[in-house]
Amino acid sequence: MTVNKIPVIVDNLIDKTIAWEEERKMPFIYDGVRFLSILQAYEVTRRWREEEKKQYRDNKKIQNLLRTEKEAIYGSKPSPRKGKQL
């Protein structure tokens, strides 16, 4: 199973859990906690992580763009010199 399929599986679990609860008129409890709450908390955490990754990528793009502009104005940064070889 690939990681890309996990959100779809979680969505299916949410739908099936809701149907189960409506059919039986009672919450589906897992390990003392409503299973739907666990799945929804997972969804919130997953979305938060995706947003963090997106912000990181966006910041990195901006930094690269600023570095490129700076190099265009001032020239590229010289590579560090190696110490004298004996």
C-alpha atoms as a PDB file:
ATOM      1  CA  MET A   1       0.000   0.000   0.000  1.00  0.00           C
ATOM      2  CA  THR A   2       1.310   3.411  -0.884  1.00  0.00           C
ATOM      3  CA  VAL A   3       1.059   6.450   1.342  1.00  0.00           C
ATOM      4  CA  ASN A   4      -1.067   8.195  -1.296  1.00  0.00           C
ATOM      5  CA  LYS A   5      -3.895   5.721  -0.701  1.00  0.00           C
ATOM      6  CA  ILE A   6      -4.130   6.356   3.054  1.00  0.00           C
ATOM      7  CA  PRO A   7      -6.343   9.491   2.833  1.00  0.00           C
ATOM      8  CA  VAL A   8      -8.801   7.612   0.606  1.00  0.00           C
ATOM      9  CA  ILE A   9      -8.862   4.691   3.037  1.00  0.00           C
ATOM     10  CA  VAL A  10      -9.458   7.049   5.977  1.00  0.00           C
ATOM     11  CA  ASP A  11     -12.307   8.749   4.089  1.00  0.00           C
ATOM     12  CA  ASN A  12     -13.865   5.340   3.398  1.00  0.00           C
ATOM     13  CA  LEU A  13     -13.512   4.381   7.060  1.00  0.00           C
ATOM     14  CA  ILE A  14     -15.213   7.615   8.104  1.00  0.00           C
ATOM     15  CA  ASP A  15     -18.123   6.968   5.720  1.00  0.00           C
ATOM     16  CA  LYS A  16     -18.495   3.347   6.842  1.00  0.00           C
ATOM     17  CA  THR A  17     -18.256   4.292  10.523  1.00  0.00           C
ATOM     18  CA  ILE A  18     -20.972   6.932  10.123  1.00  0.00           C
ATOM     19  CA  ALA A  19     -23.192   4.400   8.339  1.00  0.00           C
ATOM     20  CA  TRP A  20     -22.543   1.821  11.076  1.00  0.00           C
ATOM     21  CA  GLU A  21     -23.388   4.313  13.831  1.00  0.00           C
ATOM     22  CA  GLU A  22     -26.578   5.463  12.083  1.00  0.00           C
ATOM     23  CA  GLU A  23     -27.695   1.884  11.475  1.00  0.00           C
ATOM     24  CA  ARG A  24     -27.173   0.840  15.101  1.00  0.00           C
ATOM     25  CA  LYS A  25     -28.034   4.197  16.721  1.00  0.00           C
ATOM     26  CA  MET A  26     -24.890   4.034  18.860  1.00  0.00           C
ATOM     27  CA  PRO A  27     -21.280   5.248  18.612  1.00  0.00           C
ATOM     28  CA  PHE A  28     -18.576   2.876  17.390  1.00  0.00           C
ATOM     29  CA  ILE A  29     -16.137   2.712  20.301  1.00  0.00           C
ATOM     30  CA  TYR A  30     -12.536   1.583  19.883  1.00  0.00           C
ATOM     31  CA  ASP A  31     -10.213   1.366  22.885  1.00  0.00           C
ATOM     32  CA  GLY A  32     -12.636   3.468  24.929  1.00  0.00           C
ATOM     33  CA  VAL A  33     -12.798   6.291  22.367  1.00  0.00           C
ATOM     34  CA  ARG A  34     -15.293   6.982  19.612  1.00  0.00           C
ATOM     35  CA  PHE A  35     -13.627   5.703  16.424  1.00  0.00           C
ATOM     36  CA  LEU A  36     -14.977   8.603  14.379  1.00  0.00           C
ATOM     37  CA  SER A  37     -13.153  11.022  16.704  1.00  0.00           C
ATOM     38  CA  ILE A  38      -9.892   9.137  16.146  1.00  0.00           C
ATOM     39  CA  LEU A  39     -10.305   9.278  12.371  1.00  0.00           C
ATOM     40  CA  GLN A  40     -11.215  12.968  12.395  1.00  0.00           C
ATOM     41  CA  ALA A  41      -8.217  13.790  14.601  1.00  0.00           C
ATOM     42  CA  TYR A  42      -6.010  11.904  12.146  1.00  0.00           C
ATOM     43  CA  GLU A  43      -7.449  13.945   9.254  1.00  0.00           C
ATOM     44  CA  VAL A  44      -6.771  17.235  11.058  1.00  0.00           C
ATOM     45  CA  THR A  45      -3.199  16.184  11.834  1.00  0.00           C
ATOM     46  CA  ARG A  46      -2.592  15.021   8.257  1.00  0.00           C
ATOM     47  CA  ARG A  47      -3.863  18.309   6.819  1.00  0.00           C
ATOM     48  CA  TRP A  48      -1.735  20.280   9.289  1.00  0.00           C
ATOM     49  CA  ARG A  49       1.371  18.315   8.234  1.00  0.00           C
ATOM     50  CA  GLU A  50       0.602  18.871   4.551  1.00  0.00           C
ATOM     51  CA  GLU A  51       0.236  22.604   5.178  1.00  0.00           C
ATOM     52  CA  GLU A  52       3.569  22.655   7.050  1.00  0.00           C
ATOM     53  CA  LYS A  53       5.282  20.888   4.138  1.00  0.00           C
ATOM     54  CA  LYS A  54       3.717  23.324   1.663  1.00  0.00           C
ATOM     55  CA  GLN A  55       4.884  26.333   3.680  1.00  0.00           C
ATOM     56  CA  TYR A  56       8.389  24.866   3.891  1.00  0.00           C
ATOM     57  CA  ARG A  57       8.500  24.344   0.108  1.00  0.00           C
ATOM     58  CA  ASP A  58       7.154  27.858  -0.519  1.00  0.00           C
ATOM     59  CA  ASN A  59       9.731  29.405   1.829  1.00  0.00           C
ATOM     60  CA  LYS A  60      12.502  27.451   0.139  1.00  0.00           C
ATOM     61  CA  LYS A  61      11.351  28.677  -3.293  1.00  0.00           C
ATOM     62  CA  ILE A  62      11.344  32.273  -2.038  1.00  0.00           C
ATOM     63  CA  GLN A  63      14.835  31.885  -0.551  1.00  0.00           C
ATOM     64  CA  ASN A  64      16.141  30.449  -3.823  1.00  0.00           C
ATOM     65  CA  LEU A  65      14.529  33.280  -5.771  1.00  0.00           C
ATOM     66  CA  LEU A  66      16.047  35.909  -3.465  1.00  0.00           C
ATOM     67  CA  ARG A  67      19.453  34.228  -3.720  1.00  0.00           C
ATOM     68  CA  THR A  68      19.193  34.208  -7.523  1.00  0.00           C
ATOM     69  CA  GLU A  69      18.251  37.908  -7.578  1.00  0.00           C
ATOM     70  CA  LYS A  70      21.100  38.751  -5.217  1.00  0.00           C
ATOM     71  CA  GLU A  71      23.554  36.835  -7.397  1.00  0.00           C
ATOM     72  CA  ALA A  72      22.276  38.679 -10.458  1.00  0.00           C
ATOM     73  CA  ILE A  73      22.942  42.018  -8.754  1.00  0.00           C
ATOM     74  CA  TYR A  74      26.190  41.299  -6.884  1.00  0.00           C
ATOM     75  CA  GLY A  75      27.537  38.191  -8.593  1.00  0.00           C
ATOM     76  CA  SER A  76      27.694  34.714  -7.177  1.00  0.00           C
ATOM     77  CA  LYS A  77      29.351  33.995  -3.862  1.00  0.00           C
ATOM     78  CA  PRO A  78      32.918  32.756  -4.305  1.00  0.00           C
ATOM     79  CA  SER A  79      33.611  29.234  -3.159  1.00  0.00           C
ATOM     80  CA  PRO A  80      35.633  28.991   0.055  1.00  0.00           C
ATOM     81  CA  ARG A  81      39.381  28.781  -0.390  1.00  0.00           C
ATOM     82  CA  LYS A  82      41.159  25.676   0.666  1.00  0.00           C
ATOM     83  CA  GLY A  83      44.052  26.041   3.056  1.00  0.00           C
ATOM     84  CA  LYS A  84      47.539  26.059   1.628  1.00  0.00           C
ATOM     85  CA  GLN A  85      48.608  22.600   0.603  1.00  0.00           C
ATOM     86  CA  LEU A  86      52.045  21.614   1.856  1.00  0.00           C
END
